[in-house]
C-alpha cells in the first residue's frame, strides 16, 4: 500500500487518548503529522492529496484563542476552511471526532457554531464516542447519521502504573479504615460542578461525611474559589497541579467512588480512567449519558434537577460494582479501539479510489 499521511489537529502529545488511538494507524504505516498551531496545520494540509486523511479533534484552537478578538477569530476560521477545502479538492479526506457539544467556556459562540456546522457538513466520517451524540448536538447542528461512526472511548488498561495497594494509597493520604473517600479527578474548572459536589458532601451528617480527594491542575482563581467552598467543615486531600502518570494510581487506589458532577459533559476520559482502576463512579442523569452507560452496574446516577440533594443521597448509599467497572474496562481495551479507528481511516482513504 502506498504511503498515506494522517494529519492530526490539535495533537496534544501528552494526551493519552490521542496516543492510544494512534497506535494501530502507526502500526499500519500511516505517516502521522501532528500540529498544535493553525499555521503549521495549514502547511501539513497543503501537502495532502488523494488517499490522505485530515483528522480534526478539538475545535477550540481555531476560534477560541483567548488573545483573539472577533475579527481575528473570524479570519482564522476562514483560513482553516480554505486550507481544508483545498486539501479535499486534491482528494484528501476529513474525519472529525466530536469531543464536546461545544468547547467549554466558548467566547466566540457564533463562530464556534459556524465551524461545527462546517465540519458536520464537510466531514467524510464523524467519529462519536457517545452513541447519542447526534441528539446531544441537535440543538446546534445536524449530523448525517450515515456518516457517523461510533467507537467508544478506550479504557486505560495497562497504560498507567498500577503497583500500589489500596492500604498503601490510603495511608499516604491519611485515610483511616472507616473513612469513605470520594474522588474528583482531572483539571478543576467551574463547569465541572465542584460546588455541587461540596454542597452534596456538606449535606451528609458529619459523622458519616466522606473525605474529598481533589486532584488536577487548577488556576489560582479557581483554587481560591475552592478554598472558600470547602470552608472548615469539609475534609479534603488536594493536589492542585497536574498529576504525573506514575502518581495517578495513588488517587484511584485510595478512592471508594469517583464523582463527575459536570454541568456539561459529552465524553469523559476520567470516567474511563476510574473504570480502569476498578473504581465505581457517579454521573449526572442525562439522556446521552444514559444512552451510553445506562446498563452499567458500576455507575450510579444523580438527578440534575436536585443536583446537590440527589448526589448527597447517592454518596450516602452503596457504591456501584468495582467488578463491573473492571469488566467494562477490559471490554474497551485500548488497542482494540485503536484497530477500529484504523479501520475507519482505511475505509475513508479507500473511498477516493471507489469514486474513480
Protein backbone atom coordinates (compact mmCIF):
# COMPACT_ATOMS: atom_id res chain seq x y z
CA UNK A 1 0.00 0.00 0.00
CA UNK A 2 1.44 3.43 -0.87
CA UNK A 3 2.43 5.81 1.89
CA UNK A 4 -0.52 7.67 3.34
CA UNK A 5 -0.42 10.74 5.53
CA UNK A 6 -2.67 11.37 8.51
CA UNK A 7 -2.80 14.97 9.73
CA UNK A 8 -3.93 15.18 13.37
CA UNK A 9 -5.04 18.50 14.87
CA UNK A 10 -4.72 19.61 17.57
CA UNK A 11 -2.15 16.99 18.57
CA UNK A 12 -1.66 17.31 22.33
CA UNK A 13 1.28 14.97 22.77
CA UNK A 14 0.65 14.49 26.49
CA UNK A 15 -2.95 13.43 25.81
CA UNK A 16 -3.20 9.68 26.47
CA UNK A 17 -6.37 9.31 24.41
CA UNK A 18 -4.67 10.51 21.23
CA UNK A 19 -1.60 8.40 21.88
CA UNK A 20 -3.69 5.27 22.36
CA UNK A 21 -5.88 5.79 19.31
CA UNK A 22 -2.88 6.36 17.04
CA UNK A 23 -1.19 3.06 17.94
CA UNK A 24 -2.82 0.95 15.23
CA UNK A 25 -2.65 3.57 12.45
CA UNK A 26 1.07 4.00 13.09
CA UNK A 27 1.48 0.22 13.06
CA UNK A 28 -0.28 0.09 9.67
CA UNK A 29 2.15 2.56 8.20
CA UNK A 30 0.26 5.83 8.33
CA UNK A 31 2.61 8.82 8.31
CA UNK A 32 1.23 10.85 11.20
CA UNK A 33 1.71 14.62 11.02
CA UNK A 34 0.93 16.42 14.26
CA UNK A 35 0.39 20.12 14.85
CA UNK A 36 -0.91 22.48 17.51
CA UNK A 37 -0.96 25.78 15.64
CA UNK A 38 -3.11 26.77 12.71
CA UNK A 39 -0.03 27.96 10.82
CA UNK A 40 1.58 24.52 10.96
CA UNK A 41 -1.72 22.82 10.19
CA UNK A 42 -2.01 24.87 7.01
CA UNK A 43 1.43 23.62 5.94
CA UNK A 44 0.50 20.00 6.63
CA UNK A 45 -2.82 20.28 4.80
CA UNK A 46 -1.00 21.80 1.84
CA UNK A 47 0.87 18.52 1.33
CA UNK A 48 -2.17 16.22 1.42
CA UNK A 49 -3.52 14.54 -1.67
CA UNK A 50 -5.55 11.54 -2.77
CA UNK A 51 -5.88 8.89 -0.07
CA UNK A 52 -4.56 11.10 2.75
CA UNK A 53 -6.72 11.99 5.75
CA UNK A 54 -7.09 15.03 7.98
CA UNK A 55 -8.44 14.17 11.41
CA UNK A 56 -9.88 17.13 13.32
CA UNK A 57 -10.27 16.73 17.05
CA UNK A 58 -10.93 19.61 19.46
CA UNK A 59 -12.13 22.75 17.71
CA UNK A 60 -11.21 25.33 20.33
CA UNK A 61 -7.78 26.27 18.85
CA UNK A 62 -9.43 27.65 15.72
CA UNK A 63 -11.77 30.34 17.04
CA UNK A 64 -11.45 30.22 20.84
CA UNK A 65 -7.95 31.57 21.40
CA UNK A 66 -8.08 33.93 24.37
CA UNK A 67 -5.95 36.56 22.63
CA UNK A 68 -8.20 36.78 19.55
CA UNK A 69 -10.88 39.40 19.09
CA UNK A 70 -13.93 38.58 16.99
CA UNK A 71 -12.41 39.77 13.73
CA UNK A 72 -9.18 37.82 14.27
CA UNK A 73 -11.11 34.68 15.20
CA UNK A 74 -13.25 35.04 12.08
CA UNK A 75 -10.16 35.37 9.91
CA UNK A 76 -8.72 32.20 11.45
CA UNK A 77 -11.92 30.34 10.65
CA UNK A 78 -11.71 31.48 7.03
CA UNK A 79 -8.10 30.33 6.79
CA UNK A 80 -8.99 26.95 8.28
CA UNK A 81 -11.85 26.35 5.86
CA UNK A 82 -9.78 27.42 2.88
CA UNK A 83 -6.96 25.02 3.81
CA UNK A 84 -9.34 22.11 4.40
CA UNK A 85 -11.30 22.76 1.20
CA UNK A 86 -8.09 22.91 -0.84
CA UNK A 87 -6.88 19.60 0.63
CA UNK A 88 -10.21 17.94 -0.09
CA UNK A 89 -10.15 19.25 -3.67
CA UNK A 90 -6.94 17.23 -4.12
CA UNK A 91 -8.60 14.05 -2.84
CA UNK A 92 -7.82 14.23 0.88
CA UNK A 93 -10.50 13.09 3.30
CA UNK A 94 -11.77 14.65 6.53
CA UNK A 95 -12.60 12.84 9.77
CA UNK A 96 -13.98 14.75 12.76
CA UNK A 97 -14.17 13.47 16.34
CA UNK A 98 -16.78 15.24 18.44
CA UNK A 99 -15.32 15.51 21.92
CA UNK A 100 -17.74 18.13 23.31
CA UNK A 101 -21.10 19.53 22.27
CA UNK A 102 -19.41 22.93 22.41
CA UNK A 103 -15.99 23.94 23.78
CA UNK A 104 -16.03 24.73 27.45
CA UNK A 105 -16.13 28.47 28.16
CA UNK A 106 -16.52 29.36 24.47
CA UNK A 107 -16.03 33.10 23.92
CA UNK A 108 -16.97 33.39 20.22
CA UNK A 109 -20.04 31.19 20.26
CA UNK A 110 -21.46 32.09 16.85
CA UNK A 111 -18.12 31.44 15.15
CA UNK A 112 -17.84 28.16 17.01
CA UNK A 113 -21.24 27.11 15.76
CA UNK A 114 -20.27 28.13 12.24
CA UNK A 115 -17.15 25.97 12.50
CA UNK A 116 -19.08 23.00 13.89
CA UNK A 117 -21.68 23.25 11.15
CA UNK A 118 -18.96 23.38 8.52
CA UNK A 119 -17.32 20.25 9.91
CA UNK A 120 -20.65 18.45 10.21
CA UNK A 121 -21.47 19.21 6.58
CA UNK A 122 -17.99 18.51 5.20
CA UNK A 123 -16.57 15.55 7.12
CA UNK A 124 -16.45 12.22 5.31
CA UNK A 125 -16.76 10.47 8.66
CA UNK A 126 -17.86 11.85 12.03
CA UNK A 127 -16.48 9.83 14.93
CA UNK A 128 -18.54 9.84 18.13
CA UNK A 129 -17.68 8.17 21.43
CA UNK A 130 -21.17 8.59 22.84
CA UNK A 131 -23.79 6.90 20.67
CA UNK A 132 -26.36 9.61 21.48
CA UNK A 133 -24.13 12.44 20.19
CA UNK A 134 -26.40 13.25 17.19
CA UNK A 135 -29.25 14.03 19.60
CA UNK A 136 -26.98 15.90 22.02
CA UNK A 137 -25.72 18.27 19.32
CA UNK A 138 -29.07 18.60 17.51
CA UNK A 139 -29.94 21.97 19.09
CA UNK A 140 -26.82 23.41 17.47
CA UNK A 141 -26.19 21.47 14.23
CA UNK A 142 -27.28 18.35 12.39
CA UNK A 143 -25.24 15.22 11.75
CA UNK A 144 -25.81 12.95 8.77
CA UNK A 145 -26.19 9.62 10.58
CA UNK A 146 -24.93 7.75 7.50
CA UNK A 147 -21.51 9.31 8.12
CA UNK A 148 -21.48 8.83 11.90
CA UNK A 149 -19.16 6.14 13.26
CA UNK A 150 -19.42 5.06 16.91
CA UNK A 151 -16.17 3.98 18.54
CA UNK A 152 -16.32 4.19 22.35
CA UNK A 153 -13.62 5.91 24.34
CA UNK A 154 -10.92 3.34 25.14
CA UNK A 155 -10.10 2.33 28.67
CA UNK A 156 -6.64 2.81 30.10
CA UNK A 157 -5.92 -0.85 30.81
CA UNK A 158 -2.15 -1.29 31.07
CA UNK A 159 -1.42 2.38 30.40
CA UNK A 160 -0.80 3.73 33.89
CA UNK A 161 1.33 2.11 36.60
CA UNK A 162 -0.75 0.03 38.99
CA UNK A 163 1.55 -1.32 41.66
CA UNK A 164 0.38 0.23 44.93
CA UNK A 165 -2.24 -1.36 47.16
CA UNK A 166 -5.38 0.27 48.47
CA UNK A 167 -3.98 0.30 52.00
CA UNK A 168 -0.75 1.95 50.85
CA UNK A 169 -2.62 4.63 48.93
CA UNK A 170 -4.99 5.40 51.76
CA UNK A 171 -2.14 5.59 54.26
CA UNK A 172 -0.37 8.10 52.01
CA UNK A 173 -3.40 10.42 52.21
CA UNK A 174 -4.02 9.90 55.90
CA UNK A 175 -7.25 7.96 55.43
CA UNK A 176 -8.47 5.60 58.13
CA UNK A 177 -10.13 2.25 57.61
CA UNK A 178 -13.57 3.75 58.20
CA UNK A 179 -13.10 6.82 56.00
CA UNK A 180 -15.15 6.90 52.82
CA UNK A 181 -13.14 8.63 50.07
CA UNK A 182 -14.83 10.41 47.16
CA UNK A 183 -12.58 11.35 44.25
CA UNK A 184 -12.89 14.20 41.76
CA UNK A 185 -10.01 13.79 39.34
CA UNK A 186 -8.90 15.99 36.47
CA UNK A 187 -8.48 19.65 35.68
CA UNK A 188 -10.61 21.64 38.10
CA UNK A 189 -12.75 24.16 36.26
CA UNK A 190 -16.12 25.76 37.05
CA UNK A 191 -18.16 23.71 34.56
CA UNK A 192 -17.13 20.53 36.37
CA UNK A 193 -19.53 21.28 39.24
CA UNK A 194 -17.23 21.09 42.25
CA UNK A 195 -19.60 23.45 44.07
CA UNK A 196 -22.35 20.85 43.67
CA UNK A 197 -20.07 18.11 44.98
CA UNK A 198 -19.02 20.09 48.05
CA UNK A 199 -22.63 21.08 48.75
CA UNK A 200 -23.65 17.42 48.50
CA UNK A 201 -20.92 16.27 50.89
CA UNK A 202 -21.84 19.01 53.35
CA UNK A 203 -25.44 17.73 53.42
CA UNK A 204 -24.31 14.35 54.72
CA UNK A 205 -24.28 14.19 58.53
CA UNK A 206 -20.84 14.97 59.91
CA UNK A 207 -20.38 11.52 61.43
CA UNK A 208 -20.85 9.90 58.01
CA UNK A 209 -19.35 12.63 55.85
CA UNK A 210 -16.87 11.33 53.27
CA UNK A 211 -13.40 12.73 52.64
CA UNK A 212 -12.94 14.51 49.32
CA UNK A 213 -9.94 13.66 47.17
CA UNK A 214 -9.40 16.51 44.68
CA UNK A 215 -6.61 16.12 42.14
CA UNK A 216 -5.90 18.08 38.98
CA UNK A 217 -4.49 21.27 37.55
CA UNK A 218 -6.26 24.35 38.88
CA UNK A 219 -5.93 28.05 38.11
CA UNK A 220 -5.12 30.37 41.01
CA UNK A 221 -8.56 31.95 40.70
CA UNK A 222 -10.38 28.62 40.78
CA UNK A 223 -8.25 27.39 43.65
CA UNK A 224 -9.26 30.42 45.71
CA UNK A 225 -12.89 29.64 44.96
CA UNK A 226 -12.41 26.03 46.06
CA UNK A 227 -10.81 27.22 49.32
CA UNK A 228 -13.97 29.19 50.05
CA UNK A 229 -16.25 26.31 49.02
CA UNK A 230 -14.59 23.83 51.36
CA UNK A 231 -14.61 26.07 54.40
CA UNK A 232 -13.60 24.43 57.66
CA UNK A 233 -16.15 21.63 57.82
CA UNK A 234 -15.37 19.55 54.70
CA UNK A 235 -12.29 17.39 54.92
CA UNK A 236 -10.32 17.28 51.68
CA UNK A 237 -6.99 15.98 50.41
CA UNK A 238 -5.94 18.15 47.48
CA UNK A 239 -3.41 18.34 44.67
CA UNK A 240 -3.93 21.44 42.53
CA UNK A 241 -1.33 20.60 39.92
CA UNK A 242 -1.03 18.15 37.05
CA UNK A 243 -0.84 14.61 38.39
CA UNK A 244 2.07 12.76 36.84
CA UNK A 245 1.34 9.38 35.28
CA UNK A 246 3.20 7.48 37.97
CA UNK A 247 1.09 9.14 40.69
CA UNK A 248 -2.35 8.60 39.14
CA UNK A 249 -2.67 5.21 40.81
CA UNK A 250 -2.43 6.67 44.31
CA UNK A 251 -5.61 8.68 43.90
CA UNK A 252 -7.71 5.96 42.35
CA UNK A 253 -6.46 3.22 44.66
CA UNK A 254 -7.40 5.36 47.67
CA UNK A 255 -10.90 6.16 46.40
CA UNK A 256 -14.14 4.33 47.14
CA UNK A 257 -16.01 6.13 44.38
CA UNK A 258 -15.30 8.75 41.69
CA UNK A 259 -17.80 11.54 41.09
CA UNK A 260 -18.34 13.55 37.91
CA UNK A 261 -20.79 16.34 38.80
CA UNK A 262 -20.30 18.05 35.45
CA UNK A 263 -22.73 20.67 34.26
CA UNK A 264 -21.80 19.96 30.65
CA UNK A 265 -20.23 16.69 29.58
CA UNK A 266 -20.41 14.55 26.47
CA UNK A 267 -17.36 12.33 26.99
CA UNK A 268 -15.05 11.90 29.96
CA UNK A 269 -11.65 10.25 29.84
CA UNK A 270 -11.52 10.39 33.64
CA UNK A 271 -14.57 8.14 33.82
CA UNK A 272 -12.73 5.50 31.81
CA UNK A 273 -9.66 6.02 33.95
CA UNK A 274 -11.74 5.28 37.05
CA UNK A 275 -13.05 2.08 35.46
CA UNK A 276 -9.50 1.03 34.58
CA UNK A 277 -8.69 1.07 38.31
CA UNK A 278 -11.94 -0.66 39.25
CA UNK A 279 -13.44 2.44 40.88
CA UNK A 280 -17.25 2.81 40.72
CA UNK A 281 -18.50 6.20 39.53
CA UNK A 282 -21.37 8.65 39.82
CA UNK A 283 -22.70 10.58 36.80
CA UNK A 284 -25.41 13.19 36.16
CA UNK A 285 -28.58 11.53 34.93
CA UNK A 286 -28.65 12.96 31.41
CA UNK A 287 -30.16 11.26 28.38
CA UNK A 288 -26.97 10.99 26.31
CA UNK A 289 -25.02 9.57 29.27
CA UNK A 290 -27.77 7.04 29.97
CA UNK A 291 -27.68 6.03 26.30
CA UNK A 292 -24.01 5.13 26.56
CA UNK A 293 -23.72 3.86 30.15
CA UNK A 294 -27.26 3.11 31.32
CA UNK A 295 -26.66 -0.63 31.58
CA UNK A 296 -23.50 -0.37 33.66
CA UNK A 297 -23.88 -1.59 37.24
CA UNK A 298 -20.72 0.21 38.35
CA UNK A 299 -22.30 3.61 37.71
CA UNK A 300 -24.76 5.43 39.97
CA UNK A 301 -26.80 8.44 38.86
CA UNK A 302 -27.86 11.71 40.45
CA UNK A 303 -30.82 13.85 39.45
CA UNK A 304 -29.66 17.14 37.90
CA UNK A 305 -32.97 18.75 38.90
CA UNK A 306 -31.90 18.47 42.55
CA UNK A 307 -28.20 18.00 41.99
CA UNK A 308 -26.78 18.53 45.48
CA UNK A 309 -29.59 16.76 47.32
CA UNK A 310 -29.68 13.83 44.95
CA UNK A 311 -25.88 13.49 44.90
CA UNK A 312 -25.80 13.54 48.71
CA UNK A 313 -28.27 10.65 48.80
CA UNK A 314 -26.20 8.68 46.28
CA UNK A 315 -22.96 9.26 48.19
CA UNK A 316 -24.59 8.21 51.46
CA UNK A 317 -25.65 4.91 49.88
CA UNK A 318 -23.75 1.92 48.49
CA UNK A 319 -21.27 2.39 45.66
CA UNK A 320 -21.54 0.63 42.33
CA UNK A 321 -19.77 -2.58 41.48
CA UNK A 322 -15.97 -2.50 41.38
CA UNK A 323 -16.02 -5.78 39.48
CA UNK A 324 -18.38 -4.23 36.93
CA UNK A 325 -16.01 -1.31 36.44
CA UNK A 326 -13.09 -3.66 35.80
CA UNK A 327 -15.13 -5.76 33.36
CA UNK A 328 -16.22 -2.62 31.48
CA UNK A 329 -12.61 -1.51 31.26
CA UNK A 330 -11.49 -4.85 29.84
CA UNK A 331 -14.22 -4.69 27.17
CA UNK A 332 -12.81 -1.37 25.98
CA UNK A 333 -9.15 -2.38 25.88
CA UNK A 334 -7.13 0.35 24.12
CA UNK A 335 -5.57 -1.44 21.19
CA UNK A 336 -8.86 -2.98 20.08
CA UNK A 337 -10.41 0.51 19.91
CA UNK A 338 -7.35 1.76 18.04
CA UNK A 339 -7.78 -1.02 15.46
CA UNK A 340 -11.39 0.07 14.95
CA UNK A 341 -10.18 3.62 14.36
CA UNK A 342 -7.52 2.45 11.91
CA UNK A 343 -10.25 0.60 10.06
CA UNK A 344 -12.23 3.83 9.70
CA UNK A 345 -9.16 5.59 8.30
CA UNK A 346 -8.58 2.78 5.82
CA UNK A 347 -12.20 2.89 4.68
CA UNK A 348 -12.27 6.67 4.30
CA UNK A 349 -8.96 6.65 2.43
CA UNK A 350 -10.11 3.88 0.12
CA UNK A 351 -13.29 5.79 -0.73
CA UNK A 352 -11.21 8.03 -3.01
CA UNK A 353 -10.41 5.11 -5.30
CA UNK A 354 -14.01 3.91 -5.16
CA UNK A 355 -15.22 7.22 -6.57
CA UNK A 356 -12.99 6.93 -9.65
